[in-house]
Amino acid sequence: MLSRSLKTNLCTAAIATVLTGCSSNPTKQEIGTVTGAVLGGVVGTALTGNTAGTVLGAGAGAYVGNRLGKDLK
């Protein structure tokens, strides 16, 4: 299993990569998707403490964030 510091570094790298890809003006839907994925991943980790919970939380958060961002147009 991955150590906590390795997970943190991987998460930070993933977020930086996503944000770099959005160097143009991101839409509200894109912002909602990324924000939801990050928050969902954090909540999934906090609730389950395992990788599956993190991935499921990130997926659910991305979906919810995408829908909310779309509604803000």
PDB file of N, CA and C in Angstrom:
ATOM      1  N   MET A   1       0.840  -1.176   0.000  1.00  0.00           N
ATOM      2  CA  MET A   1       0.000   0.000   0.000  1.00  0.00           C
ATOM      3  C   MET A   1       0.884   1.237   0.000  1.00  0.00           C
ATOM      4  N   LEU A   2       0.406   2.306  -0.611  1.00  0.00           N
ATOM      5  CA  LEU A   2       1.174   3.540  -0.721  1.00  0.00           C
ATOM      6  C   LEU A   2       1.191   4.284   0.608  1.00  0.00           C
ATOM      7  N   SER A   3       2.330   4.904   0.892  1.00  0.00           N
ATOM      8  CA  SER A   3       2.426   5.690   2.114  1.00  0.00           C
ATOM      9  C   SER A   3       1.636   6.987   1.951  1.00  0.00           C
ATOM     10  N   ARG A   4       1.334   7.601   3.062  1.00  0.00           N
ATOM     11  CA  ARG A   4       0.539   8.830   3.052  1.00  0.00           C
ATOM     12  C   ARG A   4       1.258   9.951   2.298  1.00  0.00           C
ATOM     13  N   SER A   5       2.567  10.087   2.504  1.00  0.00           N
ATOM     14  CA  SER A   5       3.300  11.160   1.830  1.00  0.00           C
ATOM     15  C   SER A   5       3.365  10.918   0.326  1.00  0.00           C
ATOM     16  N   LEU A   6       3.470   9.660  -0.098  1.00  0.00           N
ATOM     17  CA  LEU A   6       3.473   9.358  -1.524  1.00  0.00           C
ATOM     18  C   LEU A   6       2.116   9.673  -2.138  1.00  0.00           C
ATOM     19  N   LYS A   7       1.047   9.341  -1.435  1.00  0.00           N
ATOM     20  CA  LYS A   7      -0.298   9.663  -1.920  1.00  0.00           C
ATOM     21  C   LYS A   7      -0.467  11.180  -2.059  1.00  0.00           C
ATOM     22  N   THR A   8       0.027  11.922  -1.077  1.00  0.00           N
ATOM     23  CA  THR A   8      -0.073  13.376  -1.120  1.00  0.00           C
ATOM     24  C   THR A   8       0.698  13.931  -2.316  1.00  0.00           C
ATOM     25  N   ASN A   9       1.896  13.414  -2.535  1.00  0.00           N
ATOM     26  CA  ASN A   9       2.698  13.881  -3.667  1.00  0.00           C
ATOM     27  C   ASN A   9       2.039  13.535  -4.999  1.00  0.00           C
ATOM     28  N   LEU A  10       1.469  12.346  -5.111  1.00  0.00           N
ATOM     29  CA  LEU A  10       0.789  11.957  -6.343  1.00  0.00           C
ATOM     30  C   LEU A  10      -0.436  12.831  -6.589  1.00  0.00           C
ATOM     31  N   CYS A  11      -1.170  13.122  -5.536  1.00  0.00           N
ATOM     32  CA  CYS A  11      -2.346  13.990  -5.652  1.00  0.00           C
ATOM     33  C   CYS A  11      -1.941  15.388  -6.092  1.00  0.00           C
ATOM     34  N   THR A  12      -0.899  15.904  -5.490  1.00  0.00           N
ATOM     35  CA  THR A  12      -0.421  17.236  -5.846  1.00  0.00           C
ATOM     36  C   THR A  12       0.023  17.287  -7.301  1.00  0.00           C
ATOM     37  N   ALA A  13       0.728  16.258  -7.740  1.00  0.00           N
ATOM     38  CA  ALA A  13       1.179  16.198  -9.131  1.00  0.00           C
ATOM     39  C   ALA A  13      -0.003  16.114 -10.088  1.00  0.00           C
ATOM     40  N   ALA A  14      -1.005  15.330  -9.726  1.00  0.00           N
ATOM     41  CA  ALA A  14      -2.190  15.193 -10.579  1.00  0.00           C
ATOM     42  C   ALA A  14      -2.943  16.515 -10.684  1.00  0.00           C
ATOM     43  N   ILE A  15      -3.084  17.197  -9.584  1.00  0.00           N
ATOM     44  CA  ILE A  15      -3.780  18.485  -9.588  1.00  0.00           C
ATOM     45  C   ILE A  15      -3.013  19.505 -10.421  1.00  0.00           C
ATOM     46  N   ALA A  16      -1.692  19.529 -10.257  1.00  0.00           N
ATOM     47  CA  ALA A  16      -0.878  20.461 -11.035  1.00  0.00           C
ATOM     48  C   ALA A  16      -0.996  20.173 -12.529  1.00  0.00           C
ATOM     49  N   THR A  17      -1.034  18.900 -12.880  1.00  0.00           N
ATOM     50  CA  THR A  17      -1.168  18.515 -14.289  1.00  0.00           C
ATOM     51  C   THR A  17      -2.509  18.967 -14.847  1.00  0.00           C
ATOM     52  N   VAL A  18      -3.548  18.747 -14.095  1.00  0.00           N
ATOM     53  CA  VAL A  18      -4.886  19.153 -14.544  1.00  0.00           C
ATOM     54  C   VAL A  18      -4.962  20.666 -14.697  1.00  0.00           C
ATOM     55  N   LEU A  19      -4.448  21.381 -13.736  1.00  0.00           N
ATOM     56  CA  LEU A  19      -4.506  22.835 -13.793  1.00  0.00           C
ATOM     57  C   LEU A  19      -3.651  23.400 -14.925  1.00  0.00           C
ATOM     58  N   THR A  20      -2.538  22.757 -15.222  1.00  0.00           N
ATOM     59  CA  THR A  20      -1.704  23.193 -16.338  1.00  0.00           C
ATOM     60  C   THR A  20      -2.440  23.009 -17.655  1.00  0.00           C
ATOM     61  N   GLY A  21      -3.205  21.940 -17.754  1.00  0.00           N
ATOM     62  CA  GLY A  21      -3.992  21.690 -18.959  1.00  0.00           C
ATOM     63  C   GLY A  21      -5.089  22.719 -19.158  1.00  0.00           C
ATOM     64  N   CYS A  22      -5.454  23.412 -18.118  1.00  0.00           N
ATOM     65  CA  CYS A  22      -6.496  24.430 -18.192  1.00  0.00           C
ATOM     66  C   CYS A  22      -5.876  25.823 -18.204  1.00  0.00           C
ATOM     67  N   SER A  23      -4.811  26.010 -18.975  1.00  0.00           N
ATOM     68  CA  SER A  23      -4.121  27.291 -18.963  1.00  0.00           C
ATOM     69  C   SER A  23      -4.946  28.399 -19.609  1.00  0.00           C
ATOM     70  N   SER A  24      -5.892  28.036 -20.477  1.00  0.00           N
ATOM     71  CA  SER A  24      -6.814  29.036 -20.989  1.00  0.00           C
ATOM     72  C   SER A  24      -7.913  29.245 -19.948  1.00  0.00           C
ATOM     73  N   ASN A  25      -8.827  30.140 -20.235  1.00  0.00           N
ATOM     74  CA  ASN A  25      -9.902  30.387 -19.276  1.00  0.00           C
ATOM     75  C   ASN A  25     -10.819  29.169 -19.191  1.00  0.00           C
ATOM     76  N   PRO A  26     -10.798  28.467 -18.052  1.00  0.00           N
ATOM     77  CA  PRO A  26     -11.655  27.299 -17.927  1.00  0.00           C
ATOM     78  C   PRO A  26     -13.119  27.708 -17.749  1.00  0.00           C
ATOM     79  N   THR A  27     -13.997  26.841 -18.197  1.00  0.00           N
ATOM     80  CA  THR A  27     -15.425  27.087 -18.015  1.00  0.00           C
ATOM     81  C   THR A  27     -15.817  26.754 -16.580  1.00  0.00           C
ATOM     82  N   LYS A  28     -16.995  27.191 -16.193  1.00  0.00           N
ATOM     83  CA  LYS A  28     -17.494  26.863 -14.858  1.00  0.00           C
ATOM     84  C   LYS A  28     -17.682  25.362 -14.707  1.00  0.00           C
ATOM     85  N   GLN A  29     -18.027  24.699 -15.792  1.00  0.00           N
ATOM     86  CA  GLN A  29     -18.210  23.253 -15.762  1.00  0.00           C
ATOM     87  C   GLN A  29     -16.871  22.553 -15.513  1.00  0.00           C
ATOM     88  N   GLU A  30     -15.801  23.020 -16.151  1.00  0.00           N
ATOM     89  CA  GLU A  30     -14.479  22.436 -15.936  1.00  0.00           C
ATOM     90  C   GLU A  30     -13.985  22.683 -14.516  1.00  0.00           C
ATOM     91  N   ILE A  31     -14.201  23.880 -14.026  1.00  0.00           N
ATOM     92  CA  ILE A  31     -13.808  24.200 -12.651  1.00  0.00           C
ATOM     93  C   ILE A  31     -14.573  23.327 -11.665  1.00  0.00           C
ATOM     94  N   GLY A  32     -15.865  23.162 -11.897  1.00  0.00           N
ATOM     95  CA  GLY A  32     -16.679  22.323 -11.023  1.00  0.00           C
ATOM     96  C   GLY A  32     -16.234  20.878 -11.034  1.00  0.00           C
ATOM     97  N   THR A  33     -15.853  20.378 -12.209  1.00  0.00           N
ATOM     98  CA  THR A  33     -15.408  18.992 -12.328  1.00  0.00           C
ATOM     99  C   THR A  33     -14.131  18.762 -11.531  1.00  0.00           C
ATOM    100  N   VAL A  34     -13.146  19.635 -11.718  1.00  0.00           N
ATOM    101  CA  VAL A  34     -11.866  19.475 -11.017  1.00  0.00           C
ATOM    102  C   VAL A  34     -12.039  19.652  -9.515  1.00  0.00           C
ATOM    103  N   THR A  35     -12.773  20.678  -9.125  1.00  0.00           N
ATOM    104  CA  THR A  35     -12.996  20.921  -7.699  1.00  0.00           C
ATOM    105  C   THR A  35     -13.740  19.760  -7.054  1.00  0.00           C
ATOM    106  N   GLY A  36     -14.768  19.279  -7.732  1.00  0.00           N
ATOM    107  CA  GLY A  36     -15.526  18.145  -7.210  1.00  0.00           C
ATOM    108  C   GLY A  36     -14.680  16.894  -7.084  1.00  0.00           C
ATOM    109  N   ALA A  37     -13.807  16.647  -8.065  1.00  0.00           N
ATOM    110  CA  ALA A  37     -12.949  15.465  -8.013  1.00  0.00           C
ATOM    111  C   ALA A  37     -11.981  15.531  -6.833  1.00  0.00           C
ATOM    112  N   VAL A  38     -11.391  16.698  -6.625  1.00  0.00           N
ATOM    113  CA  VAL A  38     -10.441  16.848  -5.512  1.00  0.00           C
ATOM    114  C   VAL A  38     -11.162  16.688  -4.175  1.00  0.00           C
ATOM    115  N   LEU A  39     -12.271  17.402  -4.007  1.00  0.00           N
ATOM    116  CA  LEU A  39     -13.007  17.316  -2.741  1.00  0.00           C
ATOM    117  C   LEU A  39     -13.573  15.915  -2.516  1.00  0.00           C
ATOM    118  N   GLY A  40     -14.089  15.308  -3.578  1.00  0.00           N
ATOM    119  CA  GLY A  40     -14.616  13.947  -3.460  1.00  0.00           C
ATOM    120  C   GLY A  40     -13.539  12.949  -3.083  1.00  0.00           C
ATOM    121  N   GLY A  41     -12.343  13.105  -3.655  1.00  0.00           N
ATOM    122  CA  GLY A  41     -11.231  12.227  -3.310  1.00  0.00           C
ATOM    123  C   GLY A  41     -10.816  12.368  -1.853  1.00  0.00           C
ATOM    124  N   VAL A  42     -10.798  13.603  -1.376  1.00  0.00           N
ATOM    125  CA  VAL A  42     -10.440  13.848   0.027  1.00  0.00           C
ATOM    126  C   VAL A  42     -11.485  13.233   0.957  1.00  0.00           C
ATOM    127  N   VAL A  43     -12.748  13.446   0.647  1.00  0.00           N
ATOM    128  CA  VAL A  43     -13.816  12.885   1.480  1.00  0.00           C
ATOM    129  C   VAL A  43     -13.800  11.360   1.418  1.00  0.00           C
ATOM    130  N   GLY A  44     -13.604  10.800   0.216  1.00  0.00           N
ATOM    131  CA  GLY A  44     -13.548   9.348   0.079  1.00  0.00           C
ATOM    132  C   GLY A  44     -12.421   8.738   0.892  1.00  0.00           C
ATOM    133  N   THR A  45     -11.268   9.401   0.903  1.00  0.00           N
ATOM    134  CA  THR A  45     -10.136   8.925   1.701  1.00  0.00           C
ATOM    135  C   THR A  45     -10.440   9.024   3.189  1.00  0.00           C
ATOM    136  N   ALA A  46     -11.030  10.139   3.596  1.00  0.00           N
ATOM    137  CA  ALA A  46     -11.330  10.344   5.011  1.00  0.00           C
ATOM    138  C   ALA A  46     -12.342   9.319   5.524  1.00  0.00           C
ATOM    139  N   LEU A  47     -13.320   8.978   4.691  1.00  0.00           N
ATOM    140  CA  LEU A  47     -14.360   8.053   5.133  1.00  0.00           C
ATOM    141  C   LEU A  47     -13.916   6.595   5.110  1.00  0.00           C
ATOM    142  N   THR A  48     -13.129   6.215   4.107  1.00  0.00           N
ATOM    143  CA  THR A  48     -12.780   4.799   3.966  1.00  0.00           C
ATOM    144  C   THR A  48     -11.344   4.479   4.310  1.00  0.00           C
ATOM    145  N   GLY A  49     -10.441   5.426   4.065  1.00  0.00           N
ATOM    146  CA  GLY A  49      -9.037   5.187   4.348  1.00  0.00           C
ATOM    147  C   GLY A  49      -8.352   4.267   3.357  1.00  0.00           C
ATOM    148  N   ASN A  50      -8.982   3.996   2.221  1.00  0.00           N
ATOM    149  CA  ASN A  50      -8.336   3.142   1.228  1.00  0.00           C
ATOM    150  C   ASN A  50      -8.432   3.752  -0.166  1.00  0.00           C
ATOM    151  N   THR A  51      -7.684   3.159  -1.090  1.00  0.00           N
ATOM    152  CA  THR A  51      -7.605   3.705  -2.441  1.00  0.00           C
ATOM    153  C   THR A  51      -8.934   3.634  -3.173  1.00  0.00           C
ATOM    154  N   ALA A  52      -9.673   2.566  -2.989  1.00  0.00           N
ATOM    155  CA  ALA A  52     -10.960   2.423  -3.670  1.00  0.00           C
ATOM    156  C   ALA A  52     -11.913   3.550  -3.255  1.00  0.00           C
ATOM    157  N   GLY A  53     -11.926   3.892  -1.993  1.00  0.00           N
ATOM    158  CA  GLY A  53     -12.766   4.984  -1.511  1.00  0.00           C
ATOM    159  C   GLY A  53     -12.354   6.321  -2.100  1.00  0.00           C
ATOM    160  N   THR A  54     -11.038   6.502  -2.256  1.00  0.00           N
ATOM    161  CA  THR A  54     -10.528   7.736  -2.857  1.00  0.00           C
ATOM    162  C   THR A  54     -10.978   7.858  -4.300  1.00  0.00           C
ATOM    163  N   VAL A  55     -10.825   6.767  -5.047  1.00  0.00           N
ATOM    164  CA  VAL A  55     -11.185   6.776  -6.462  1.00  0.00           C
ATOM    165  C   VAL A  55     -12.690   6.965  -6.639  1.00  0.00           C
ATOM    166  N   LEU A  56     -13.478   6.241  -5.868  1.00  0.00           N
ATOM    167  CA  LEU A  56     -14.939   6.384  -5.964  1.00  0.00           C
ATOM    168  C   LEU A  56     -15.392   7.780  -5.550  1.00  0.00           C
ATOM    169  N   GLY A  57     -14.784   8.314  -4.497  1.00  0.00           N
ATOM    170  CA  GLY A  57     -15.116   9.666  -4.058  1.00  0.00           C
ATOM    171  C   GLY A  57     -14.759  10.705  -5.108  1.00  0.00           C
ATOM    172  N   ALA A  58     -13.592  10.534  -5.736  1.00  0.00           N
ATOM    173  CA  ALA A  58     -13.175  11.470  -6.782  1.00  0.00           C
ATOM    174  C   ALA A  58     -14.107  11.397  -7.988  1.00  0.00           C
ATOM    175  N   GLY A  59     -14.498  10.195  -8.360  1.00  0.00           N
ATOM    176  CA  GLY A  59     -15.415  10.033  -9.490  1.00  0.00           C
ATOM    177  C   GLY A  59     -16.774  10.653  -9.218  1.00  0.00           C
ATOM    178  N   ALA A  60     -17.306  10.387  -8.037  1.00  0.00           N
ATOM    179  CA  ALA A  60     -18.606  10.946  -7.671  1.00  0.00           C
ATOM    180  C   ALA A  60     -18.525  12.471  -7.559  1.00  0.00           C
ATOM    181  N   GLY A  61     -17.435  12.960  -6.969  1.00  0.00           N
ATOM    182  CA  GLY A  61     -17.261  14.407  -6.834  1.00  0.00           C
ATOM    183  C   GLY A  61     -17.126  15.098  -8.185  1.00  0.00           C
ATOM    184  N   ALA A  62     -16.395  14.453  -9.110  1.00  0.00           N
ATOM    185  CA  ALA A  62     -16.245  15.026 -10.452  1.00  0.00           C
ATOM    186  C   ALA A  62     -17.590  15.111 -11.154  1.00  0.00           C
ATOM    187  N   TYR A  63     -18.394  14.074 -11.017  1.00  0.00           N
ATOM    188  CA  TYR A  63     -19.712  14.067 -11.657  1.00  0.00           C
ATOM    189  C   TYR A  63     -20.599  15.181 -11.084  1.00  0.00           C
ATOM    190  N   VAL A  64     -20.661  15.251  -9.767  1.00  0.00           N
ATOM    191  CA  VAL A  64     -21.506  16.259  -9.121  1.00  0.00           C
ATOM    192  C   VAL A  64     -21.005  17.666  -9.452  1.00  0.00           C
ATOM    193  N   GLY A  65     -19.687  17.866  -9.390  1.00  0.00           N
ATOM    194  CA  GLY A  65     -19.111  19.173  -9.713  1.00  0.00           C
ATOM    195  C   GLY A  65     -19.378  19.569 -11.154  1.00  0.00           C
ATOM    196  N   ASN A  66     -19.328  18.599 -12.071  1.00  0.00           N
ATOM    197  CA  ASN A  66     -19.603  18.852 -13.480  1.00  0.00           C
ATOM    198  C   ASN A  66     -21.048  19.304 -13.672  1.00  0.00           C
ATOM    199  N   ARG A  67     -21.965  18.613 -13.044  1.00  0.00           N
ATOM    200  CA  ARG A  67     -23.400  18.962 -13.167  1.00  0.00           C
ATOM    201  C   ARG A  67     -23.666  20.333 -12.554  1.00  0.00           C
ATOM    202  N   LEU A  68     -23.085  20.623 -11.393  1.00  0.00           N
ATOM    203  CA  LEU A  68     -23.301  21.920 -10.757  1.00  0.00           C
ATOM    204  C   LEU A  68     -22.701  23.035 -11.606  1.00  0.00           C
ATOM    205  N   GLY A  69     -21.503  22.812 -12.131  1.00  0.00           N
ATOM    206  CA  GLY A  69     -20.868  23.810 -12.987  1.00  0.00           C
ATOM    207  C   GLY A  69     -21.662  24.076 -14.251  1.00  0.00           C
ATOM    208  N   LYS A  70     -22.254  23.038 -14.804  1.00  0.00           N
ATOM    209  CA  LYS A  70     -23.080  23.204 -16.013  1.00  0.00           C
ATOM    210  C   LYS A  70     -24.311  24.053 -15.716  1.00  0.00           C
ATOM    211  N   ASP A  71     -24.878  23.864 -14.537  1.00  0.00           N
ATOM    212  CA  ASP A  71     -26.082  24.618 -14.157  1.00  0.00           C
ATOM    213  C   ASP A  71     -25.768  26.097 -13.872  1.00  0.00           C
ATOM    214  N   LEU A  72     -24.515  26.449 -13.646  1.00  0.00           N
ATOM    215  CA  LEU A  72     -24.157  27.830 -13.335  1.00  0.00           C
ATOM    216  C   LEU A  72     -23.971  28.700 -14.573  1.00  0.00           C
ATOM    217  N   LYS A  73     -24.108  28.137 -15.752  1.00  0.00           N
ATOM    218  CA  LYS A  73     -23.898  28.911 -16.988  1.00  0.00           C
ATOM    219  C   LYS A  73     -24.927  30.009 -17.127  1.00  0.00           C
TER     220      LYS A  73
END
